[in-house]
Amino acid sequence: MNRMPSERWPSYDDERMASIDEQICALLKQRKELSGEPALLPSPEKITAWSEKYDLYEDYLHSIFAVARRPSSFRPRIQPENFRKYIPILRSLERDGVMYTLSFIRQYQNASVVQLLLDYESMPNVEIHKRLPHPFFELEVGAPYAAVNSGGGGSAHHYSFAFAVSPALPDDLASQRFVFKKLNSPDGDPTGEEVVFDISSIRSPVTERGAIT
């Protein structure tokens, strides 16, 4: 998700307001630490009670808590700079007629771009738009790396996704783990389905330790 520019709205010069807003920031941090991500929402009954108690619109409260569910979706987009090399991976896993391929990584000075491909088995006599909804994924590679979906698309039988990872991954990917988590919408929640590639070597075209859960 792209960050909205602060220059769209006027800013204040009032320390009383600043003190309140800093408390809001501290409470958001505390809530994030307690709830994890994605955070659960307050019950409709609580929203209604708080709306009446604090004279705030229910939809206003709903929107605040909805935005607070996934703070990572506001992570700044990574702009890879100074291309260095390609690292071919070519690891594939298959399940239920879908082939998942971790094809290659583009190495930049400040980031890495990981490419995931999906190929679907052709299913004649089946209405493809009903059988194959558009997939969405997020990538986890473990600390200290952060991954952001940098684009994707495709057709009825093929999809391609790119994920920008920063800082740049090492050129030696031995023991590196790539966990692609399926989402229910572009900025939605994980469905529980994961596509996992454990990289032990880049010599073999297919990993022996990949898994789909």
C-alpha atoms as a PDB file:
ATOM      1  CA  MET A   1       0.000   0.000   0.000  1.00  0.00           C
ATOM      2  CA  ASN A   2       1.337   3.401  -0.946  1.00  0.00           C
ATOM      3  CA  ARG A   3       1.734   6.000   1.761  1.00  0.00           C
ATOM      4  CA  MET A   4      -0.504   9.045   1.385  1.00  0.00           C
ATOM      5  CA  PRO A   5       1.458  12.298   1.166  1.00  0.00           C
ATOM      6  CA  SER A   6       1.227  14.385   4.318  1.00  0.00           C
ATOM      7  CA  GLU A   7       1.231  17.611   2.306  1.00  0.00           C
ATOM      8  CA  ARG A   8      -2.379  16.974   1.313  1.00  0.00           C
ATOM      9  CA  TRP A   9      -3.563  18.304   4.690  1.00  0.00           C
ATOM     10  CA  PRO A  10      -2.428  21.275   6.787  1.00  0.00           C
ATOM     11  CA  SER A  11      -0.377  20.479   9.888  1.00  0.00           C
ATOM     12  CA  TYR A  12      -0.808  22.020  13.323  1.00  0.00           C
ATOM     13  CA  ASP A  13       1.576  23.915  15.592  1.00  0.00           C
ATOM     14  CA  ASP A  14       0.022  23.084  18.952  1.00  0.00           C
ATOM     15  CA  GLU A  15       1.929  21.085  21.570  1.00  0.00           C
ATOM     16  CA  ARG A  16      -1.326  20.022  23.213  1.00  0.00           C
ATOM     17  CA  MET A  17      -2.350  18.279  19.989  1.00  0.00           C
ATOM     18  CA  ALA A  18       1.137  16.849  19.588  1.00  0.00           C
ATOM     19  CA  SER A  19       0.955  15.331  23.067  1.00  0.00           C
ATOM     20  CA  ILE A  20      -2.357  13.628  22.268  1.00  0.00           C
ATOM     21  CA  ASP A  21      -1.115  12.333  18.912  1.00  0.00           C
ATOM     22  CA  GLU A  22       2.047  10.944  20.483  1.00  0.00           C
ATOM     23  CA  GLN A  23      -0.123   9.046  22.954  1.00  0.00           C
ATOM     24  CA  ILE A  24      -2.118   7.653  20.023  1.00  0.00           C
ATOM     25  CA  CYS A  25       1.134   6.473  18.407  1.00  0.00           C
ATOM     26  CA  ALA A  26       2.255   4.846  21.663  1.00  0.00           C
ATOM     27  CA  LEU A  27      -1.101   3.067  22.004  1.00  0.00           C
ATOM     28  CA  LEU A  28      -0.944   1.856  18.387  1.00  0.00           C
ATOM     29  CA  LYS A  29       2.477   0.360  19.086  1.00  0.00           C
ATOM     30  CA  GLN A  30       1.184  -1.271  22.271  1.00  0.00           C
ATOM     31  CA  ARG A  31      -1.831  -2.668  20.410  1.00  0.00           C
ATOM     32  CA  LYS A  32       0.377  -4.059  17.650  1.00  0.00           C
ATOM     33  CA  GLU A  33       2.602  -5.827  20.193  1.00  0.00           C
ATOM     34  CA  LEU A  34      -0.402  -7.360  21.967  1.00  0.00           C
ATOM     35  CA  SER A  35      -2.467  -8.359  18.945  1.00  0.00           C
ATOM     36  CA  GLY A  36       0.078  -9.375  16.341  1.00  0.00           C
ATOM     37  CA  GLU A  37      -0.844  -9.197  12.670  1.00  0.00           C
ATOM     38  CA  PRO A  38      -3.425  -9.351  11.285  1.00  0.00           C
ATOM     39  CA  ALA A  39      -5.068  -7.944  14.400  1.00  0.00           C
ATOM     40  CA  LEU A  40      -8.628  -8.855  15.301  1.00  0.00           C
ATOM     41  CA  LEU A  41     -11.316  -6.192  15.327  1.00  0.00           C
ATOM     42  CA  PRO A  42     -13.440  -5.096  18.283  1.00  0.00           C
ATOM     43  CA  SER A  43     -16.911  -6.638  18.392  1.00  0.00           C
ATOM     44  CA  PRO A  44     -19.816  -4.667  16.884  1.00  0.00           C
ATOM     45  CA  GLU A  45     -21.181  -4.249  20.406  1.00  0.00           C
ATOM     46  CA  LYS A  46     -17.969  -2.587  21.585  1.00  0.00           C
ATOM     47  CA  ILE A  47     -17.885  -0.326  18.532  1.00  0.00           C
ATOM     48  CA  THR A  48     -21.459   0.778  19.216  1.00  0.00           C
ATOM     49  CA  ALA A  49     -20.754   1.379  22.913  1.00  0.00           C
ATOM     50  CA  TRP A  50     -17.606   3.409  22.215  1.00  0.00           C
ATOM     51  CA  SER A  51     -19.392   5.367  19.512  1.00  0.00           C
ATOM     52  CA  GLU A  52     -22.032   6.461  22.000  1.00  0.00           C
ATOM     53  CA  LYS A  53     -19.614   7.014  24.888  1.00  0.00           C
ATOM     54  CA  TYR A  54     -17.118   9.145  22.955  1.00  0.00           C
ATOM     55  CA  ASP A  55     -19.505  10.745  20.444  1.00  0.00           C
ATOM     56  CA  LEU A  56     -17.780   9.218  17.405  1.00  0.00           C
ATOM     57  CA  TYR A  57     -19.386   7.732  14.303  1.00  0.00           C
ATOM     58  CA  GLU A  58     -19.394   3.930  14.148  1.00  0.00           C
ATOM     59  CA  ASP A  59     -18.088   3.888  10.563  1.00  0.00           C
ATOM     60  CA  TYR A  60     -15.265   6.202  11.634  1.00  0.00           C
ATOM     61  CA  LEU A  61     -14.228   3.751  14.365  1.00  0.00           C
ATOM     62  CA  HIS A  62     -14.585   0.796  11.991  1.00  0.00           C
ATOM     63  CA  SER A  63     -12.261   2.482   9.481  1.00  0.00           C
ATOM     64  CA  ILE A  64      -9.618   3.234  12.134  1.00  0.00           C
ATOM     65  CA  PHE A  65      -9.508  -0.348  13.416  1.00  0.00           C
ATOM     66  CA  ALA A  66      -9.610  -1.775   9.889  1.00  0.00           C
ATOM     67  CA  VAL A  67      -6.535   0.252   8.910  1.00  0.00           C
ATOM     68  CA  ALA A  68      -4.774  -0.824  12.130  1.00  0.00           C
ATOM     69  CA  ARG A  69      -5.230  -4.526  11.344  1.00  0.00           C
ATOM     70  CA  ARG A  70      -2.226  -4.830   9.006  1.00  0.00           C
ATOM     71  CA  PRO A  71       0.384  -2.111   9.583  1.00  0.00           C
ATOM     72  CA  SER A  72       2.854  -4.002   7.378  1.00  0.00           C
ATOM     73  CA  SER A  73       0.691  -3.195   4.338  1.00  0.00           C
ATOM     74  CA  PHE A  74       1.906   0.401   4.717  1.00  0.00           C
ATOM     75  CA  ARG A  75       5.573  -0.587   4.504  1.00  0.00           C
ATOM     76  CA  PRO A  76       7.272   1.750   1.986  1.00  0.00           C
ATOM     77  CA  ARG A  77       7.786   0.367  -1.492  1.00  0.00           C
ATOM     78  CA  ILE A  78      11.348  -0.676  -2.161  1.00  0.00           C
ATOM     79  CA  GLN A  79      12.968   0.823  -5.247  1.00  0.00           C
ATOM     80  CA  PRO A  80      15.754  -1.549  -6.356  1.00  0.00           C
ATOM     81  CA  GLU A  81      18.832   0.316  -7.575  1.00  0.00           C
ATOM     82  CA  ASN A  82      22.064  -0.636  -9.373  1.00  0.00           C
ATOM     83  CA  PHE A  83      21.347  -4.042 -10.899  1.00  0.00           C
ATOM     84  CA  ARG A  84      24.143  -6.563 -10.245  1.00  0.00           C
ATOM     85  CA  LYS A  85      23.233 -10.032 -11.497  1.00  0.00           C
ATOM     86  CA  TYR A  86      20.646 -12.774 -11.971  1.00  0.00           C
ATOM     87  CA  ILE A  87      20.600 -15.832  -9.731  1.00  0.00           C
ATOM     88  CA  PRO A  88      18.755 -18.725 -11.450  1.00  0.00           C
ATOM     89  CA  ILE A  89      16.770 -20.879  -9.000  1.00  0.00           C
ATOM     90  CA  LEU A  90      14.325 -23.031 -11.025  1.00  0.00           C
ATOM     91  CA  ARG A  91      12.618 -24.837  -8.158  1.00  0.00           C
ATOM     92  CA  SER A  92       9.142 -26.209  -8.804  1.00  0.00           C
ATOM     93  CA  LEU A  93       6.341 -27.765  -6.755  1.00  0.00           C
ATOM     94  CA  GLU A  94       3.020 -29.132  -7.988  1.00  0.00           C
ATOM     95  CA  ARG A  95      -0.342 -29.602  -6.297  1.00  0.00           C
ATOM     96  CA  ASP A  96      -3.890 -29.962  -7.604  1.00  0.00           C
ATOM     97  CA  GLY A  97      -2.903 -29.127 -11.157  1.00  0.00           C
ATOM     98  CA  VAL A  98      -0.971 -25.984 -10.198  1.00  0.00           C
ATOM     99  CA  MET A  99       2.795 -25.745 -10.774  1.00  0.00           C
ATOM    100  CA  TYR A 100       4.586 -23.236  -8.505  1.00  0.00           C
ATOM    101  CA  THR A 101       8.025 -22.184  -9.724  1.00  0.00           C
ATOM    102  CA  LEU A 102      10.611 -20.065  -7.942  1.00  0.00           C
ATOM    103  CA  SER A 103      12.329 -19.078 -11.157  1.00  0.00           C
ATOM    104  CA  PHE A 104      15.107 -16.560 -10.467  1.00  0.00           C
ATOM    105  CA  ILE A 105      16.238 -13.651  -8.318  1.00  0.00           C
ATOM    106  CA  ARG A 106      17.422 -10.301  -9.605  1.00  0.00           C
ATOM    107  CA  GLN A 107      20.174  -8.933  -7.383  1.00  0.00           C
ATOM    108  CA  TYR A 108      20.497  -5.175  -6.868  1.00  0.00           C
ATOM    109  CA  GLN A 109      22.776  -3.193  -4.619  1.00  0.00           C
ATOM    110  CA  ASN A 110      20.022  -2.394  -2.121  1.00  0.00           C
ATOM    111  CA  ALA A 111      17.461  -5.157  -2.712  1.00  0.00           C
ATOM    112  CA  SER A 112      16.598  -8.475  -4.315  1.00  0.00           C
ATOM    113  CA  VAL A 113      13.585  -9.178  -6.541  1.00  0.00           C
ATOM    114  CA  VAL A 114      12.148 -12.694  -6.188  1.00  0.00           C
ATOM    115  CA  GLN A 115      10.062 -14.104  -9.040  1.00  0.00           C
ATOM    116  CA  LEU A 116       7.232 -16.617  -8.431  1.00  0.00           C
ATOM    117  CA  LEU A 117       5.395 -18.265 -11.347  1.00  0.00           C
ATOM    118  CA  LEU A 118       2.107 -20.168 -11.287  1.00  0.00           C
ATOM    119  CA  ASP A 119       1.056 -22.431 -14.156  1.00  0.00           C
ATOM    120  CA  TYR A 120      -2.339 -24.122 -14.173  1.00  0.00           C
ATOM    121  CA  GLU A 121      -3.177 -27.379 -15.888  1.00  0.00           C
ATOM    122  CA  SER A 122      -5.549 -26.799 -18.762  1.00  0.00           C
ATOM    123  CA  MET A 123      -9.027 -27.983 -17.772  1.00  0.00           C
ATOM    124  CA  PRO A 124     -11.320 -28.273 -20.818  1.00  0.00           C
ATOM    125  CA  ASN A 125     -15.060 -28.344 -20.184  1.00  0.00           C
ATOM    126  CA  VAL A 126     -14.597 -26.318 -16.981  1.00  0.00           C
ATOM    127  CA  GLU A 127     -15.473 -22.647 -16.684  1.00  0.00           C
ATOM    128  CA  ILE A 128     -12.004 -21.324 -15.872  1.00  0.00           C
ATOM    129  CA  HIS A 129     -13.167 -18.104 -14.201  1.00  0.00           C
ATOM    130  CA  LYS A 130     -15.141 -20.147 -11.655  1.00  0.00           C
ATOM    131  CA  ARG A 131     -12.407 -22.687 -10.992  1.00  0.00           C
ATOM    132  CA  LEU A 132      -9.371 -20.398 -10.816  1.00  0.00           C
ATOM    133  CA  PRO A 133      -9.883 -17.128  -8.923  1.00  0.00           C
ATOM    134  CA  HIS A 134      -7.051 -14.606  -9.083  1.00  0.00           C
ATOM    135  CA  PRO A 135      -4.391 -15.649  -6.540  1.00  0.00           C
ATOM    136  CA  PHE A 136      -2.674 -13.245  -4.133  1.00  0.00           C
ATOM    137  CA  PHE A 137       0.493 -13.865  -2.116  1.00  0.00           C
ATOM    138  CA  GLU A 138       2.840 -12.307   0.392  1.00  0.00           C
ATOM    139  CA  LEU A 139       6.439 -13.432   0.923  1.00  0.00           C
ATOM    140  CA  GLU A 140       8.301 -14.139   4.150  1.00  0.00           C
ATOM    141  CA  VAL A 141      12.062 -14.693   4.090  1.00  0.00           C
ATOM    142  CA  GLY A 142      12.863 -14.219   7.776  1.00  0.00           C
ATOM    143  CA  ALA A 143      14.759 -11.562   9.699  1.00  0.00           C
ATOM    144  CA  PRO A 144      16.413  -9.206   8.923  1.00  0.00           C
ATOM    145  CA  TYR A 145      14.652  -9.109   5.550  1.00  0.00           C
ATOM    146  CA  ALA A 146      11.361  -7.425   4.628  1.00  0.00           C
ATOM    147  CA  ALA A 147       9.472  -8.330   1.455  1.00  0.00           C
ATOM    148  CA  VAL A 148       6.921  -6.246  -0.441  1.00  0.00           C
ATOM    149  CA  ASN A 149       4.799  -7.389  -3.380  1.00  0.00           C
ATOM    150  CA  SER A 150       6.048  -5.282  -6.270  1.00  0.00           C
ATOM    151  CA  GLY A 151       3.605  -6.428  -8.929  1.00  0.00           C
ATOM    152  CA  GLY A 152       2.016  -9.357 -10.662  1.00  0.00           C
ATOM    153  CA  GLY A 153      -0.536 -10.493 -13.176  1.00  0.00           C
ATOM    154  CA  GLY A 154      -1.327 -13.140 -15.727  1.00  0.00           C
ATOM    155  CA  SER A 155      -3.978 -14.997 -17.677  1.00  0.00           C
ATOM    156  CA  ALA A 156      -6.266 -17.980 -17.209  1.00  0.00           C
ATOM    157  CA  HIS A 157      -3.418 -20.497 -16.995  1.00  0.00           C
ATOM    158  CA  HIS A 158      -0.370 -18.492 -15.914  1.00  0.00           C
ATOM    159  CA  TYR A 159       0.493 -15.899 -13.265  1.00  0.00           C
ATOM    160  CA  SER A 160       3.724 -14.118 -12.397  1.00  0.00           C
ATOM    161  CA  PHE A 161       4.522 -12.309  -9.135  1.00  0.00           C
ATOM    162  CA  ALA A 162       7.533 -10.224  -8.113  1.00  0.00           C
ATOM    163  CA  PHE A 163       8.571  -9.464  -4.530  1.00  0.00           C
ATOM    164  CA  ALA A 164      11.159  -6.852  -3.593  1.00  0.00           C
ATOM    165  CA  VAL A 165      13.254  -7.905  -0.593  1.00  0.00           C
ATOM    166  CA  SER A 166      15.451  -5.562   1.425  1.00  0.00           C
ATOM    167  CA  PRO A 167      18.206  -5.551   2.362  1.00  0.00           C
ATOM    168  CA  ALA A 168      19.549  -7.557  -0.576  1.00  0.00           C
ATOM    169  CA  LEU A 169      19.727 -11.315  -0.092  1.00  0.00           C
ATOM    170  CA  PRO A 170      23.193 -12.889  -0.144  1.00  0.00           C
ATOM    171  CA  ASP A 171      24.401 -14.295  -3.450  1.00  0.00           C
ATOM    172  CA  ASP A 172      24.903 -17.632  -1.677  1.00  0.00           C
ATOM    173  CA  LEU A 173      21.336 -18.747  -0.956  1.00  0.00           C
ATOM    174  CA  ALA A 174      22.223 -21.967   0.867  1.00  0.00           C
ATOM    175  CA  SER A 175      19.719 -22.574   3.691  1.00  0.00           C
ATOM    176  CA  GLN A 176      17.519 -19.668   2.582  1.00  0.00           C
ATOM    177  CA  ARG A 177      13.791 -20.262   3.055  1.00  0.00           C
ATOM    178  CA  PHE A 178      11.058 -18.630   0.958  1.00  0.00           C
ATOM    179  CA  VAL A 179       7.510 -18.842   2.337  1.00  0.00           C
ATOM    180  CA  PHE A 180       4.776 -17.616  -0.008  1.00  0.00           C
ATOM    181  CA  LYS A 181       1.524 -17.148   1.923  1.00  0.00           C
ATOM    182  CA  LYS A 182      -1.710 -17.106  -0.010  1.00  0.00           C
ATOM    183  CA  LEU A 183      -4.016 -14.153   0.773  1.00  0.00           C
ATOM    184  CA  ASN A 184      -7.775 -13.785   0.367  1.00  0.00           C
ATOM    185  CA  SER A 185      -7.362 -10.366  -1.332  1.00  0.00           C
ATOM    186  CA  PRO A 186      -4.524  -8.027  -2.408  1.00  0.00           C
ATOM    187  CA  ASP A 187      -4.069  -6.581   1.107  1.00  0.00           C
ATOM    188  CA  GLY A 188      -6.076  -9.273   2.851  1.00  0.00           C
ATOM    189  CA  ASP A 189      -5.444 -11.974   5.411  1.00  0.00           C
ATOM    190  CA  PRO A 190      -3.534 -15.247   4.939  1.00  0.00           C
ATOM    191  CA  THR A 191      -5.782 -18.177   4.030  1.00  0.00           C
ATOM    192  CA  GLY A 192      -3.499 -20.677   5.765  1.00  0.00           C
ATOM    193  CA  GLU A 193      -2.156 -22.097   2.495  1.00  0.00           C
ATOM    194  CA  GLU A 194       1.607 -21.736   2.072  1.00  0.00           C
ATOM    195  CA  VAL A 195       4.088 -22.536  -0.678  1.00  0.00           C
ATOM    196  CA  VAL A 196       7.518 -23.155   0.848  1.00  0.00           C
ATOM    197  CA  PHE A 197      10.883 -23.412  -0.898  1.00  0.00           C
ATOM    198  CA  ASP A 198      13.925 -24.420   1.164  1.00  0.00           C
ATOM    199  CA  ILE A 199      17.035 -23.692  -0.871  1.00  0.00           C
ATOM    200  CA  SER A 200      19.926 -26.041  -0.197  1.00  0.00           C
ATOM    201  CA  SER A 201      21.801 -25.522  -3.460  1.00  0.00           C
ATOM    202  CA  ILE A 202      21.292 -23.732  -6.767  1.00  0.00           C
ATOM    203  CA  ARG A 203      22.811 -26.557  -8.820  1.00  0.00           C
ATOM    204  CA  SER A 204      19.739 -28.786  -9.058  1.00  0.00           C
ATOM    205  CA  PRO A 205      16.721 -27.553 -11.063  1.00  0.00           C
ATOM    206  CA  VAL A 206      14.189 -28.879  -8.530  1.00  0.00           C
ATOM    207  CA  THR A 207      14.379 -28.681  -4.756  1.00  0.00           C
ATOM    208  CA  GLU A 208      13.821 -31.814  -2.699  1.00  0.00           C
ATOM    209  CA  ARG A 209      12.715 -29.906   0.378  1.00  0.00           C
ATOM    210  CA  GLY A 210       9.942 -27.702  -0.919  1.00  0.00           C
ATOM    211  CA  ALA A 211       6.490 -28.029   0.576  1.00  0.00           C
ATOM    212  CA  ILE A 212       2.947 -26.805   0.148  1.00  0.00           C
ATOM    213  CA  THR A 213       0.839 -26.646   3.267  1.00  0.00           C
END
